[in-house]
Amino acid sequence: MAEGLFKHIYGDKYDVHSSGINPKGVNPLSIEIMAEIGIDISNYSSTNLKEYHGQEFDYVITLCNDENCPVFLNGKKYIHHGFKDPGTYSKNNMEKIDIFRLIRDEIRDWIKNSLINDIN
């Protein structure tokens, strides 16, 4: 979701990549709730962090919870903001959708209101 949001908001200014230490594919609920706000991430894929080994980035931005946050040493500047992983909730489907929407909106607001100040 974060990659899709960042690309949608600032993709004309930044080259955005997303990865994780244990990629599992894009959650169908992420695709659904992003489509609700006009962002298509249906063709996105999970990328293992190892695929970026040796590459240097101006910014490494982590959004994971602190327990499972990867370390990537090839960044010039590091920014972290922890968000709950909506995929870890085991409630019924309607509550899951609400949680995905909540996290989506929290990430979007953070990108627009805080993150952009840190990288400008």
C-alpha atoms as a PDB file:
ATOM      1  CA  MET A   1       0.000   0.000   0.000  1.00  0.00           C
ATOM      2  CA  ALA A   2       2.776   2.412   0.902  1.00  0.00           C
ATOM      3  CA  GLU A   3       4.485   1.990  -2.464  1.00  0.00           C
ATOM      4  CA  GLY A   4       1.224   2.597  -4.305  1.00  0.00           C
ATOM      5  CA  LEU A   5       0.392   5.644  -2.198  1.00  0.00           C
ATOM      6  CA  PHE A   6       3.848   7.170  -2.551  1.00  0.00           C
ATOM      7  CA  LYS A   7       3.925   6.591  -6.293  1.00  0.00           C
ATOM      8  CA  HIS A   8       0.445   8.058  -6.646  1.00  0.00           C
ATOM      9  CA  ILE A   9       1.269  11.169  -4.623  1.00  0.00           C
ATOM     10  CA  TYR A  10       4.934  11.811  -5.525  1.00  0.00           C
ATOM     11  CA  GLY A  11       5.819   9.320  -8.272  1.00  0.00           C
ATOM     12  CA  ASP A  12       6.724  12.117 -10.665  1.00  0.00           C
ATOM     13  CA  LYS A  13       9.499  13.250  -8.275  1.00  0.00           C
ATOM     14  CA  TYR A  14      10.832   9.992  -6.820  1.00  0.00           C
ATOM     15  CA  ASP A  15      11.736   6.518  -8.035  1.00  0.00           C
ATOM     16  CA  VAL A  16       9.972   4.279  -5.531  1.00  0.00           C
ATOM     17  CA  HIS A  17      10.811   0.652  -4.696  1.00  0.00           C
ATOM     18  CA  SER A  18       9.294  -1.596  -2.079  1.00  0.00           C
ATOM     19  CA  SER A  19      10.606  -4.774  -0.546  1.00  0.00           C
ATOM     20  CA  GLY A  20      10.535  -6.935   2.528  1.00  0.00           C
ATOM     21  CA  ILE A  21      12.417  -9.668   4.291  1.00  0.00           C
ATOM     22  CA  ASN A  22       9.649 -12.225   3.828  1.00  0.00           C
ATOM     23  CA  PRO A  23       7.564 -11.195   0.804  1.00  0.00           C
ATOM     24  CA  LYS A  24       4.261 -13.029   0.500  1.00  0.00           C
ATOM     25  CA  GLY A  25       2.549 -11.340  -2.426  1.00  0.00           C
ATOM     26  CA  VAL A  26       0.142  -8.438  -2.422  1.00  0.00           C
ATOM     27  CA  ASN A  27      -2.793  -9.001  -0.117  1.00  0.00           C
ATOM     28  CA  PRO A  28      -6.100  -8.992  -2.054  1.00  0.00           C
ATOM     29  CA  LEU A  29      -7.597  -6.673   0.570  1.00  0.00           C
ATOM     30  CA  SER A  30      -4.804  -4.164  -0.130  1.00  0.00           C
ATOM     31  CA  ILE A  31      -5.702  -4.232  -3.808  1.00  0.00           C
ATOM     32  CA  GLU A  32      -9.387  -3.773  -2.981  1.00  0.00           C
ATOM     33  CA  ILE A  33      -9.035  -0.847  -0.594  1.00  0.00           C
ATOM     34  CA  MET A  34      -6.480   0.932  -2.771  1.00  0.00           C
ATOM     35  CA  ALA A  35      -8.877   0.657  -5.745  1.00  0.00           C
ATOM     36  CA  GLU A  36     -11.461   2.431  -3.594  1.00  0.00           C
ATOM     37  CA  ILE A  37      -9.308   5.564  -3.753  1.00  0.00           C
ATOM     38  CA  GLY A  38      -8.388   5.177  -7.416  1.00  0.00           C
ATOM     39  CA  ILE A  39      -4.981   3.512  -7.060  1.00  0.00           C
ATOM     40  CA  ASP A  40      -4.415   0.241  -8.917  1.00  0.00           C
ATOM     41  CA  ILE A  41      -1.810  -1.964  -7.268  1.00  0.00           C
ATOM     42  CA  SER A  42      -3.066  -5.196  -8.807  1.00  0.00           C
ATOM     43  CA  ASN A  43       0.128  -5.554 -10.855  1.00  0.00           C
ATOM     44  CA  TYR A  44       2.443  -4.898  -7.925  1.00  0.00           C
ATOM     45  CA  SER A  45       4.517  -7.728  -6.537  1.00  0.00           C
ATOM     46  CA  SER A  46       6.438  -8.437  -3.400  1.00  0.00           C
ATOM     47  CA  THR A  47      10.172  -8.071  -3.771  1.00  0.00           C
ATOM     48  CA  ASN A  48      12.721  -9.627  -1.483  1.00  0.00           C
ATOM     49  CA  LEU A  49      15.106  -7.115   0.057  1.00  0.00           C
ATOM     50  CA  LYS A  50      18.018  -9.211  -1.251  1.00  0.00           C
ATOM     51  CA  GLU A  51      17.182  -8.081  -4.805  1.00  0.00           C
ATOM     52  CA  TYR A  52      18.465  -4.600  -3.941  1.00  0.00           C
ATOM     53  CA  HIS A  53      21.765  -5.809  -2.480  1.00  0.00           C
ATOM     54  CA  GLY A  54      24.595  -3.526  -3.549  1.00  0.00           C
ATOM     55  CA  GLN A  55      22.343  -0.716  -4.793  1.00  0.00           C
ATOM     56  CA  GLU A  56      22.498   2.669  -3.112  1.00  0.00           C
ATOM     57  CA  PHE A  57      19.418   4.724  -2.305  1.00  0.00           C
ATOM     58  CA  ASP A  58      19.028   8.329  -1.221  1.00  0.00           C
ATOM     59  CA  TYR A  59      16.352   7.331   1.279  1.00  0.00           C
ATOM     60  CA  VAL A  60      15.493   4.073   2.960  1.00  0.00           C
ATOM     61  CA  ILE A  61      12.063   4.348   4.508  1.00  0.00           C
ATOM     62  CA  THR A  62      10.798   1.594   6.772  1.00  0.00           C
ATOM     63  CA  LEU A  63       7.174   1.313   7.853  1.00  0.00           C
ATOM     64  CA  CYS A  64       7.332  -2.019   9.615  1.00  0.00           C
ATOM     65  CA  ASN A  65       6.733  -2.696  13.252  1.00  0.00           C
ATOM     66  CA  ASP A  66       9.945  -2.716  15.235  1.00  0.00           C
ATOM     67  CA  GLU A  67       9.890  -6.473  15.803  1.00  0.00           C
ATOM     68  CA  ASN A  68      10.266  -7.396  12.123  1.00  0.00           C
ATOM     69  CA  CYS A  69      12.032  -4.421  10.625  1.00  0.00           C
ATOM     70  CA  PRO A  70      14.752  -5.248   8.094  1.00  0.00           C
ATOM     71  CA  VAL A  71      18.133  -3.587   8.029  1.00  0.00           C
ATOM     72  CA  PHE A  72      19.274  -2.150   4.703  1.00  0.00           C
ATOM     73  CA  LEU A  73      22.688  -0.526   4.833  1.00  0.00           C
ATOM     74  CA  ASN A  74      22.880   1.154   1.422  1.00  0.00           C
ATOM     75  CA  GLY A  75      20.896   4.299   2.178  1.00  0.00           C
ATOM     76  CA  LYS A  76      22.129   7.856   2.514  1.00  0.00           C
ATOM     77  CA  LYS A  77      19.280   8.728   4.903  1.00  0.00           C
ATOM     78  CA  TYR A  78      17.020   6.483   6.965  1.00  0.00           C
ATOM     79  CA  ILE A  79      13.465   7.274   7.999  1.00  0.00           C
ATOM     80  CA  HIS A  80      11.276   4.988  10.086  1.00  0.00           C
ATOM     81  CA  HIS A  81       7.640   5.150  11.076  1.00  0.00           C
ATOM     82  CA  GLY A  82       6.011   2.006  12.394  1.00  0.00           C
ATOM     83  CA  PHE A  83       2.560   1.009  11.219  1.00  0.00           C
ATOM     84  CA  LYS A  84       0.602  -2.035  12.244  1.00  0.00           C
ATOM     85  CA  ASP A  85       0.518  -4.784   9.631  1.00  0.00           C
ATOM     86  CA  PRO A  86      -3.155  -5.047   8.678  1.00  0.00           C
ATOM     87  CA  GLY A  87      -2.582  -8.560   7.356  1.00  0.00           C
ATOM     88  CA  THR A  88      -1.871  -9.878  10.847  1.00  0.00           C
ATOM     89  CA  TYR A  89      -5.390  -9.283  12.136  1.00  0.00           C
ATOM     90  CA  SER A  90      -7.507 -12.421  12.297  1.00  0.00           C
ATOM     91  CA  LYS A  91     -10.930 -10.842  12.678  1.00  0.00           C
ATOM     92  CA  ASN A  92     -13.834 -11.393  10.334  1.00  0.00           C
ATOM     93  CA  ASN A  93     -13.565 -10.080   6.772  1.00  0.00           C
ATOM     94  CA  MET A  94     -15.577  -6.882   7.335  1.00  0.00           C
ATOM     95  CA  GLU A  95     -13.416  -5.859  10.283  1.00  0.00           C
ATOM     96  CA  LYS A  96     -10.293  -6.703   8.280  1.00  0.00           C
ATOM     97  CA  ILE A  97     -11.389  -4.364   5.484  1.00  0.00           C
ATOM     98  CA  ASP A  98     -11.901  -1.586   8.030  1.00  0.00           C
ATOM     99  CA  ILE A  99      -8.425  -2.209   9.471  1.00  0.00           C
ATOM    100  CA  PHE A 100      -6.866  -2.142   5.999  1.00  0.00           C
ATOM    101  CA  ARG A 101      -8.645   1.162   5.289  1.00  0.00           C
ATOM    102  CA  LEU A 102      -7.479   2.611   8.597  1.00  0.00           C
ATOM    103  CA  ILE A 103      -3.835   1.670   7.982  1.00  0.00           C
ATOM    104  CA  ARG A 104      -4.057   2.871   4.342  1.00  0.00           C
ATOM    105  CA  ASP A 105      -5.318   6.254   5.501  1.00  0.00           C
ATOM    106  CA  GLU A 106      -2.703   6.499   8.256  1.00  0.00           C
ATOM    107  CA  ILE A 107       0.084   5.806   5.758  1.00  0.00           C
ATOM    108  CA  ARG A 108      -1.354   8.263   3.221  1.00  0.00           C
ATOM    109  CA  ASP A 109      -1.638  11.010   5.833  1.00  0.00           C
ATOM    110  CA  TRP A 110       1.880  10.347   7.095  1.00  0.00           C
ATOM    111  CA  ILE A 111       3.316  10.499   3.563  1.00  0.00           C
ATOM    112  CA  LYS A 112       1.518  13.764   2.805  1.00  0.00           C
ATOM    113  CA  ASN A 113       2.015  15.512   6.131  1.00  0.00           C
ATOM    114  CA  SER A 114       5.242  14.224   7.703  1.00  0.00           C
ATOM    115  CA  LEU A 115       7.395  12.155   5.378  1.00  0.00           C
ATOM    116  CA  ILE A 116       7.542  14.721   2.629  1.00  0.00           C
ATOM    117  CA  ASN A 117       8.961  17.257   5.103  1.00  0.00           C
ATOM    118  CA  ASP A 118      11.720  14.802   6.052  1.00  0.00           C
ATOM    119  CA  ILE A 119      12.839  14.293   2.445  1.00  0.00           C
ATOM    120  CA  ASN A 120      12.589  17.871   1.226  1.00  0.00           C
END
